[in-house]
Protein backbone atom coordinates (compact mmCIF):
# COMPACT_ATOMS: atom_id res chain seq x y z
CA MET A 1 26.03 -14.62 -19.62
CA PHE A 2 25.71 -11.23 -21.32
CA ASP A 3 22.87 -12.51 -23.54
CA LYS A 4 21.06 -13.91 -20.50
CA LEU A 5 21.31 -10.58 -18.68
CA GLU A 6 20.05 -8.80 -21.79
CA GLU A 7 17.04 -11.12 -21.81
CA ILE A 8 16.36 -10.59 -18.09
CA ASN A 9 16.41 -6.81 -18.53
CA SER A 10 14.46 -6.69 -21.81
CA ARG A 11 11.32 -4.54 -21.93
CA PRO A 12 8.24 -6.17 -23.51
CA THR A 13 5.43 -4.20 -25.08
CA PRO A 14 2.43 -3.59 -22.76
CA PHE A 15 0.64 -6.83 -21.92
CA GLN A 16 2.75 -8.73 -24.47
CA PHE A 17 2.99 -11.70 -22.11
CA TYR A 18 0.46 -12.87 -19.52
CA THR A 19 1.34 -15.34 -16.77
CA ALA A 20 -1.45 -15.17 -14.20
CA ASP A 21 -1.45 -18.95 -13.96
CA GLU A 22 2.00 -18.80 -12.35
CA LEU A 23 0.41 -17.16 -9.33
CA TRP A 24 -2.77 -19.17 -9.08
CA THR A 25 -1.95 -22.69 -10.31
CA ASP A 26 1.64 -23.26 -9.15
CA GLU A 27 1.40 -25.44 -6.03
CA HIS A 28 3.96 -23.57 -3.95
CA THR A 29 3.15 -20.01 -5.03
CA SER A 30 -0.60 -20.51 -4.66
CA MET A 31 0.05 -21.70 -1.10
CA LYS A 32 2.05 -18.54 -0.37
CA MET A 33 -0.68 -16.39 -1.95
CA LEU A 34 -3.29 -18.00 0.32
CA GLU A 35 -1.09 -17.29 3.35
CA TYR A 36 -0.98 -13.62 2.38
CA HIS A 37 -4.74 -13.58 1.83
CA LEU A 38 -5.34 -14.92 5.32
CA ASN A 39 -2.88 -12.64 7.09
CA GLU A 40 -5.36 -10.25 8.67
CA SER A 41 -2.81 -7.56 9.50
CA VAL A 42 -1.38 -6.80 6.04
CA ASP A 43 -2.68 -5.51 2.69
CA LEU A 44 -0.76 -7.77 0.32
CA SER A 45 -3.11 -10.22 -1.40
CA SER A 46 -6.24 -8.77 0.19
CA ARG A 47 -6.97 -5.87 2.48
CA ASN A 48 -6.76 -6.17 6.23
CA LYS A 49 -9.64 -7.57 8.27
CA ASP A 50 -10.82 -4.25 9.71
CA PHE A 51 -11.09 -2.69 6.26
CA ILE A 52 -12.93 -5.72 4.87
CA VAL A 53 -15.50 -5.61 7.68
CA ARG A 54 -15.95 -1.87 7.24
CA SER A 55 -16.28 -2.13 3.47
CA VAL A 56 -18.84 -4.94 3.63
CA LYS A 57 -20.89 -2.92 6.12
CA TRP A 58 -20.92 -0.02 3.63
CA ILE A 59 -21.71 -2.26 0.65
CA VAL A 60 -24.62 -3.90 2.47
CA SER A 61 -26.05 -0.52 3.41
CA HIS A 62 -25.39 1.23 0.10
CA PHE A 63 -26.86 -1.48 -2.11
CA GLY A 64 -29.60 -2.55 0.31
CA ILE A 65 -28.38 -6.13 0.42
CA ASP A 66 -30.81 -8.65 1.86
CA SER A 67 -32.22 -12.10 1.08
CA SER A 68 -33.49 -10.90 -2.31
CA THR A 69 -30.03 -9.76 -3.49
CA SER A 70 -27.86 -11.89 -5.76
CA ILE A 71 -24.13 -11.08 -5.77
CA ALA A 72 -21.22 -12.41 -7.82
CA ASP A 73 -17.68 -11.74 -6.60
CA PHE A 74 -15.13 -12.14 -9.39
CA GLY A 75 -11.70 -13.04 -8.05
CA CYS A 76 -13.21 -14.00 -4.71
CA GLY A 77 -10.03 -15.60 -3.36
CA PRO A 78 -10.60 -17.49 -0.09
CA GLY A 79 -14.03 -15.94 0.40
CA LEU A 80 -13.23 -12.99 2.64
CA TYR A 81 -16.04 -10.92 1.10
CA THR A 82 -18.39 -13.66 -0.09
CA THR A 83 -18.58 -15.12 3.42
CA LEU A 84 -19.68 -11.79 4.88
CA PHE A 85 -22.13 -11.15 2.02
CA ALA A 86 -23.74 -14.53 2.74
CA LYS A 87 -23.93 -13.72 6.45
CA ASN A 88 -26.03 -10.73 5.38
CA ASN A 89 -28.45 -13.19 3.74
CA ALA A 90 -27.47 -12.49 0.12
CA ASP A 91 -27.49 -15.15 -2.60
CA VAL A 92 -23.73 -15.32 -3.27
CA THR A 93 -21.55 -16.69 -6.07
CA GLY A 94 -17.75 -16.63 -5.97
CA ILE A 95 -15.38 -17.23 -8.89
CA ASP A 96 -11.61 -17.65 -8.62
CA PHE A 97 -8.77 -19.23 -10.58
CA SER A 98 -7.01 -20.65 -7.53
CA ARG A 99 -7.86 -24.19 -6.47
CA ARG A 100 -6.39 -23.58 -3.02
CA SER A 101 -8.44 -20.43 -2.46
CA ILE A 102 -11.70 -22.03 -3.57
CA GLN A 103 -11.07 -25.09 -1.40
CA TYR A 104 -10.50 -22.84 1.60
CA ALA A 105 -13.61 -20.75 0.82
CA ARG A 106 -15.77 -23.87 0.55
CA LYS A 107 -14.39 -25.18 3.84
CA VAL A 108 -15.30 -21.92 5.60
CA ALA A 109 -18.79 -21.93 4.05
CA ASP A 110 -19.35 -25.51 5.28
CA GLN A 111 -18.13 -24.64 8.77
CA GLU A 112 -20.34 -21.56 8.91
CA GLY A 113 -23.37 -23.30 7.41
CA LEU A 114 -23.47 -20.86 4.48
CA ASP A 115 -24.90 -21.74 1.06
CA ILE A 116 -22.41 -20.09 -1.32
CA ASN A 117 -21.87 -21.15 -4.92
CA TYR A 118 -18.13 -21.33 -5.60
CA PHE A 119 -16.52 -21.94 -8.97
CA GLN A 120 -12.84 -22.63 -9.59
CA HIS A 121 -12.57 -21.00 -12.99
CA ASN A 122 -10.76 -18.42 -15.05
CA TYR A 123 -13.33 -15.64 -14.82
CA LEU A 124 -12.55 -14.52 -18.39
CA GLU A 125 -14.06 -17.85 -19.50
CA PHE A 126 -16.76 -18.21 -16.85
CA GLU A 127 -20.35 -18.69 -18.00
CA THR A 128 -23.60 -18.91 -16.06
CA LYS A 129 -27.32 -18.59 -16.68
CA LYS A 130 -27.74 -16.89 -13.32
CA ARG A 131 -28.32 -13.11 -13.28
CA PHE A 132 -27.09 -10.81 -10.54
CA ASP A 133 -28.08 -7.58 -8.84
CA LEU A 134 -24.46 -6.76 -8.00
CA ILE A 135 -21.08 -7.83 -9.36
CA THR A 136 -17.99 -7.03 -7.31
CA MET A 137 -14.32 -7.14 -8.28
CA ILE A 138 -12.13 -6.08 -5.38
CA PHE A 139 -8.48 -5.25 -4.69
CA CYS A 140 -7.86 -3.69 -8.11
CA ASP A 141 -7.98 -7.02 -9.97
CA PHE A 142 -9.41 -5.16 -12.96
CA CYS A 143 -6.06 -3.37 -13.39
CA ALA A 144 -4.17 -6.62 -13.94
CA LEU A 145 -6.00 -7.27 -17.21
CA SER A 146 -5.17 -6.05 -20.71
CA SER A 147 -7.59 -3.84 -22.62
CA VAL A 148 -8.76 -6.89 -24.62
CA GLN A 149 -9.32 -8.90 -21.44
CA ARG A 150 -11.14 -6.04 -19.76
CA LYS A 151 -13.46 -5.73 -22.74
CA ILE A 152 -14.24 -9.45 -22.54
CA LEU A 153 -14.92 -9.19 -18.82
CA LEU A 154 -17.16 -6.13 -19.09
CA ALA A 155 -19.17 -7.89 -21.79
CA LYS A 156 -19.69 -10.79 -19.39
CA PHE A 157 -20.67 -8.42 -16.61
CA HIS A 158 -23.20 -6.79 -18.92
CA LYS A 159 -24.69 -10.18 -19.80
CA PHE A 160 -24.72 -11.47 -16.20
CA LEU A 161 -26.35 -8.42 -14.61
CA LYS A 162 -30.06 -7.92 -14.22
CA PRO A 163 -31.45 -4.85 -16.07
CA SER A 164 -30.98 -2.64 -12.99
CA GLY A 165 -27.77 -4.32 -11.89
CA SER A 166 -24.57 -2.62 -10.73
CA ILE A 167 -20.82 -3.18 -10.67
CA LEU A 168 -18.61 -2.23 -7.75
CA LEU A 169 -14.88 -2.37 -8.35
CA ASP A 170 -11.70 -0.49 -7.52
CA VAL A 171 -8.70 0.53 -9.61
CA HIS A 172 -5.33 2.20 -9.15
CA SER A 173 -5.30 5.94 -9.86
CA LEU A 174 -2.74 7.99 -11.76
CA ASN A 175 -1.42 9.18 -8.39
CA THR A 176 -0.04 5.70 -7.80
CA PHE A 177 1.37 5.53 -11.32
CA ASN A 178 3.14 8.86 -10.89
CA ASN A 179 4.72 7.69 -7.65
CA ARG A 180 6.20 4.53 -9.14
CA ASP A 181 9.75 4.42 -10.49
CA GLU A 182 11.58 2.13 -12.83
CA VAL A 183 13.91 -0.05 -10.75
CA VAL A 184 16.03 -3.17 -11.06
CA THR A 185 16.67 -5.36 -8.02
CA TYR A 186 18.27 -8.73 -7.45
CA GLU A 187 17.77 -10.94 -4.40
CA TYR A 188 18.60 -14.47 -3.32
CA ASN A 189 15.38 -16.37 -2.49
CA GLN A 190 13.42 -13.25 -3.35
CA LEU A 191 10.36 -12.47 -1.21
CA ASP A 192 11.30 -15.05 1.40
CA HIS A 193 10.95 -18.13 -0.83
CA PHE A 194 7.68 -16.87 -2.32
CA TRP A 195 8.40 -18.34 -5.76
CA SER A 196 9.81 -21.73 -4.79
CA PRO A 197 10.71 -23.90 -1.78
CA GLU A 198 14.06 -24.48 -3.49
CA ASN A 199 16.86 -21.94 -3.52
CA TYR A 200 16.72 -19.45 -6.37
CA TYR A 201 17.96 -16.10 -7.62
CA GLY A 202 15.25 -13.54 -8.26
CA PHE A 203 15.48 -10.53 -10.55
CA LEU A 204 12.81 -7.82 -10.50
CA ASN A 205 12.56 -5.29 -13.33
CA THR A 206 9.92 -2.61 -12.89
CA PHE A 207 9.02 -0.85 -16.15
CA LYS A 208 6.77 2.17 -16.67
CA TYR A 209 4.86 2.89 -19.89
CA ASP A 210 4.00 6.57 -19.77
CA ASN A 211 1.75 6.69 -22.83
CA GLU A 212 -0.38 3.73 -21.76
CA LYS A 213 -0.28 4.45 -17.99
CA VAL A 214 0.82 0.88 -17.35
CA THR A 215 3.51 -0.64 -15.16
CA LEU A 216 5.13 -4.05 -15.26
CA ASP A 217 6.85 -5.94 -12.46
CA LYS A 218 8.82 -8.58 -14.35
CA TYR A 219 10.11 -11.36 -12.11
CA THR A 220 12.80 -13.69 -13.44
CA ILE A 221 13.21 -16.67 -11.11
CA ILE A 222 16.30 -18.79 -11.71
CA GLU A 223 16.43 -22.15 -9.95
CA GLU A 224 18.96 -24.91 -10.41
CA LYS A 225 16.76 -26.85 -12.83
CA ARG A 226 14.43 -24.25 -14.30
CA THR A 227 13.99 -20.56 -15.08
CA ARG A 228 10.62 -18.80 -15.02
CA VAL A 229 9.45 -15.32 -15.88
CA VAL A 230 6.32 -13.89 -14.25
CA TYR A 231 4.73 -10.70 -15.58
CA ASN A 232 2.65 -8.61 -13.20
CA TRP A 233 0.94 -5.88 -15.25
CA LEU A 234 -1.09 -3.00 -13.82
CA GLN A 235 -3.24 -0.43 -15.61
CA TYR A 236 -3.82 2.98 -13.97
CA TYR A 237 -6.77 5.34 -14.46
CA SER A 238 -8.03 8.86 -14.26
CA GLN A 239 -11.72 9.44 -13.68
CA ASN A 240 -12.13 10.33 -17.34
CA SER A 241 -10.26 7.34 -18.74
CA LEU A 242 -12.20 4.91 -16.55
CA ARG A 243 -15.52 6.53 -17.39
CA GLU A 244 -14.72 6.37 -21.11
CA GLU A 245 -13.80 2.68 -20.94
CA PHE A 246 -16.99 1.80 -19.10
CA GLU A 247 -19.22 3.83 -21.42
CA GLN A 248 -17.69 2.09 -24.43
CA ASN A 249 -18.72 -1.23 -22.90
CA GLY A 250 -22.32 -0.51 -21.95
CA PHE A 251 -22.06 1.03 -18.48
CA ASP A 252 -22.55 4.42 -16.86
CA ILE A 253 -20.37 5.22 -13.87
CA VAL A 254 -22.72 6.81 -11.38
CA GLU A 255 -20.46 7.22 -8.33
CA PHE A 256 -16.77 7.62 -7.55
CA TYR A 257 -15.22 6.86 -4.15
CA SER A 258 -11.69 6.65 -2.79
CA ASP A 259 -12.19 3.01 -1.79
CA ILE A 260 -14.81 0.30 -1.63
CA ALA A 261 -15.69 1.28 1.92
CA GLY A 262 -17.45 4.35 0.52
CA SER A 263 -14.86 6.96 1.51
CA ALA A 264 -15.50 10.27 -0.21
CA PHE A 265 -13.61 10.64 -3.45
CA SER A 266 -10.33 12.54 -3.24
CA SER A 267 -8.18 13.53 -6.20
CA ASP A 268 -5.17 12.62 -4.03
CA SER A 269 -6.25 9.04 -3.41
CA PRO A 270 -3.96 6.22 -4.61
CA ASP A 271 -7.01 4.21 -5.67
CA MET A 272 -10.58 4.86 -6.63
CA ALA A 273 -13.73 2.80 -6.50
CA VAL A 274 -16.70 3.10 -8.84
CA VAL A 275 -20.32 2.10 -8.94
CA ALA A 276 -21.39 1.51 -12.52
CA ARG A 277 -24.87 0.76 -13.80
CA LYS A 278 -25.77 -1.40 -16.75
CA VAL A 279 -27.10 0.48 -19.78
CA GLU A 280 -29.39 -1.52 -22.03
CA ILE A 281 -27.90 -1.76 -25.53
CA THR A 282 -30.48 -1.20 -28.25
């Protein structure tokens, strides 16, 4: 028992393990994730409906989106943004790892009579010959990736964008990092049966890595017949650290905001959104 508890409470090195598939491919958990996505009143898997509508209105205006605009939304989920982009006449592509989310997004597109190209794919491996005016990545998905994964993704963005193309994405700021604490909690059927329909014991270890500005929520889920560990990593940024990372990968950040609805940037904001432009590599 002591050895098991030692294992549960062990601290890995930053991004040592990666288990995104536990969220997006597990039948039960992916169903729960979709439920959270579609709950219009909470900001758990996606932001609430009012914010989404407001942010799309700003995006359409800011980037001059019309029938000549091609957009790719990486991590599109059930199509909350792609659907609205298409209703503004854009040529829209959505990519997501979750089969359930893509199925739901396609169903909505069919019901609404919208021509949206959806791909169920790990976006780190996604390839296309299509080129885009705008690439979006929303709800701080970028922060869940390791530095190696982010480099791979930015290289893809650079390849997929037209010469004058832009990225719009949001990240967690150092304000959020500074307000997080290391904690250990234990709960029976943690998160209201989020991890399994069967009974289980859930341990949550939250670790902070001060040098790297990274946090980990490590979930150990112990059922009668199996034990799983899910690692939820998050990277946090200052303006300077985000600008440096983008410049190293062929982009100039041209605008900072407090969110993807275009709110003026505040140094006190928990998140920040950026517009980055592709720089041609010679």
